[in-house]
Amino acid sequence: MLILTRRLGESILIENNIKITVIDINKQQIKLGIDAPKHITINREEVAKKVKDENKLSSASTTINIPKK
């Protein structure tokens, strides 16, 4: 893991097309602004985990085929 120190208003660049900027700093939170190409999906970790878990559940469900009369 790369650990960087940034101050309010400072940014980091990832591969010259993703820019992460420190927008605000409070006691328990920081706000980050992310500029990235539209084809890049950005999710909070807990949202990505929930989507992954739901996809697993969905793919594990079985379909019941009822023969037509």
C-alpha atoms as a PDB file:
ATOM      1  CA  MET A   1       0.000   0.000   0.000  1.00  0.00           C
ATOM      2  CA  LEU A   2       1.288   3.430  -0.919  1.00  0.00           C
ATOM      3  CA  ILE A   3       0.697   6.001   1.825  1.00  0.00           C
ATOM      4  CA  LEU A   4       0.785   9.674   0.891  1.00  0.00           C
ATOM      5  CA  THR A   5       0.339  12.846   2.886  1.00  0.00           C
ATOM      6  CA  ARG A   6      -1.745  15.578   1.233  1.00  0.00           C
ATOM      7  CA  ARG A   7      -3.012  18.902   2.488  1.00  0.00           C
ATOM      8  CA  LEU A   8      -6.309  20.605   1.751  1.00  0.00           C
ATOM      9  CA  GLY A   9      -6.496  21.388  -1.960  1.00  0.00           C
ATOM     10  CA  GLU A  10      -3.611  19.076  -2.900  1.00  0.00           C
ATOM     11  CA  SER A  11      -4.046  16.178  -5.325  1.00  0.00           C
ATOM     12  CA  ILE A  12      -2.550  12.931  -6.493  1.00  0.00           C
ATOM     13  CA  LEU A  13      -2.585  11.607 -10.057  1.00  0.00           C
ATOM     14  CA  ILE A  14      -3.033   7.986 -11.072  1.00  0.00           C
ATOM     15  CA  GLU A  15      -1.858   7.137 -14.598  1.00  0.00           C
ATOM     16  CA  ASN A  16      -2.300  10.753 -15.739  1.00  0.00           C
ATOM     17  CA  ASN A  17      -6.082  10.363 -16.092  1.00  0.00           C
ATOM     18  CA  ILE A  18      -7.375   9.964 -12.523  1.00  0.00           C
ATOM     19  CA  LYS A  19      -7.021  12.907 -10.151  1.00  0.00           C
ATOM     20  CA  ILE A  20      -7.884  12.651  -6.441  1.00  0.00           C
ATOM     21  CA  THR A  21      -8.081  15.966  -4.560  1.00  0.00           C
ATOM     22  CA  VAL A  22      -8.506  16.630  -0.835  1.00  0.00           C
ATOM     23  CA  ILE A  23     -11.620  18.844  -0.732  1.00  0.00           C
ATOM     24  CA  ASP A  24     -12.297  19.179   2.997  1.00  0.00           C
ATOM     25  CA  ILE A  25     -10.880  17.965   6.312  1.00  0.00           C
ATOM     26  CA  ASN A  26     -12.922  17.608   9.508  1.00  0.00           C
ATOM     27  CA  LYS A  27     -12.165  15.872  12.815  1.00  0.00           C
ATOM     28  CA  GLN A  28     -13.259  12.379  11.766  1.00  0.00           C
ATOM     29  CA  GLN A  29     -13.628  12.734   7.987  1.00  0.00           C
ATOM     30  CA  ILE A  30     -11.940  13.912   4.862  1.00  0.00           C
ATOM     31  CA  LYS A  31     -13.741  14.665   1.623  1.00  0.00           C
ATOM     32  CA  LEU A  32     -12.084  13.590  -1.598  1.00  0.00           C
ATOM     33  CA  GLY A  33     -12.920  14.734  -5.094  1.00  0.00           C
ATOM     34  CA  ILE A  34     -12.217  12.229  -7.860  1.00  0.00           C
ATOM     35  CA  ASP A  35     -11.876  13.161 -11.526  1.00  0.00           C
ATOM     36  CA  ALA A  36     -11.745  10.063 -13.732  1.00  0.00           C
ATOM     37  CA  PRO A  37     -12.828   8.985 -17.213  1.00  0.00           C
ATOM     38  CA  LYS A  38     -16.484   7.985 -17.439  1.00  0.00           C
ATOM     39  CA  HIS A  39     -15.644   4.327 -18.190  1.00  0.00           C
ATOM     40  CA  ILE A  40     -13.952   3.984 -14.777  1.00  0.00           C
ATOM     41  CA  THR A  41     -16.289   2.691 -12.050  1.00  0.00           C
ATOM     42  CA  ILE A  42     -15.754   4.301  -8.642  1.00  0.00           C
ATOM     43  CA  ASN A  43     -17.440   2.881  -5.547  1.00  0.00           C
ATOM     44  CA  ARG A  44     -16.921   3.094  -1.823  1.00  0.00           C
ATOM     45  CA  GLU A  45     -15.455  -0.170  -0.556  1.00  0.00           C
ATOM     46  CA  GLU A  46     -18.597  -1.151   1.358  1.00  0.00           C
ATOM     47  CA  VAL A  47     -20.775  -0.588  -1.731  1.00  0.00           C
ATOM     48  CA  ALA A  48     -18.448  -2.658  -3.928  1.00  0.00           C
ATOM     49  CA  LYS A  49     -18.503  -5.489  -1.361  1.00  0.00           C
ATOM     50  CA  LYS A  50     -22.310  -5.429  -1.187  1.00  0.00           C
ATOM     51  CA  VAL A  51     -22.605  -5.577  -4.985  1.00  0.00           C
ATOM     52  CA  LYS A  52     -20.109  -8.457  -5.109  1.00  0.00           C
ATOM     53  CA  ASP A  53     -22.016 -10.367  -2.409  1.00  0.00           C
ATOM     54  CA  GLU A  54     -25.350  -9.816  -4.153  1.00  0.00           C
ATOM     55  CA  ASN A  55     -23.883 -10.993  -7.460  1.00  0.00           C
ATOM     56  CA  LYS A  56     -22.610 -14.158  -5.777  1.00  0.00           C
ATOM     57  CA  LEU A  57     -26.037 -14.783  -4.264  1.00  0.00           C
ATOM     58  CA  SER A  58     -27.750 -14.177  -7.591  1.00  0.00           C
ATOM     59  CA  SER A  59     -25.481 -16.540  -9.499  1.00  0.00           C
ATOM     60  CA  ALA A  60     -25.934 -19.233  -6.841  1.00  0.00           C
ATOM     61  CA  SER A  61     -29.725 -19.198  -7.026  1.00  0.00           C
ATOM     62  CA  THR A  62     -31.344 -21.967  -9.017  1.00  0.00           C
ATOM     63  CA  THR A  63     -34.096 -21.781 -11.572  1.00  0.00           C
ATOM     64  CA  ILE A  64     -36.960 -24.239 -11.342  1.00  0.00           C
ATOM     65  CA  ASN A  65     -38.279 -25.403 -14.691  1.00  0.00           C
ATOM     66  CA  ILE A  66     -41.928 -26.382 -14.585  1.00  0.00           C
ATOM     67  CA  PRO A  67     -42.981 -28.526 -17.545  1.00  0.00           C
ATOM     68  CA  LYS A  68     -45.767 -27.073 -19.665  1.00  0.00           C
ATOM     69  CA  LYS A  69     -48.956 -29.119 -19.953  1.00  0.00           C
END
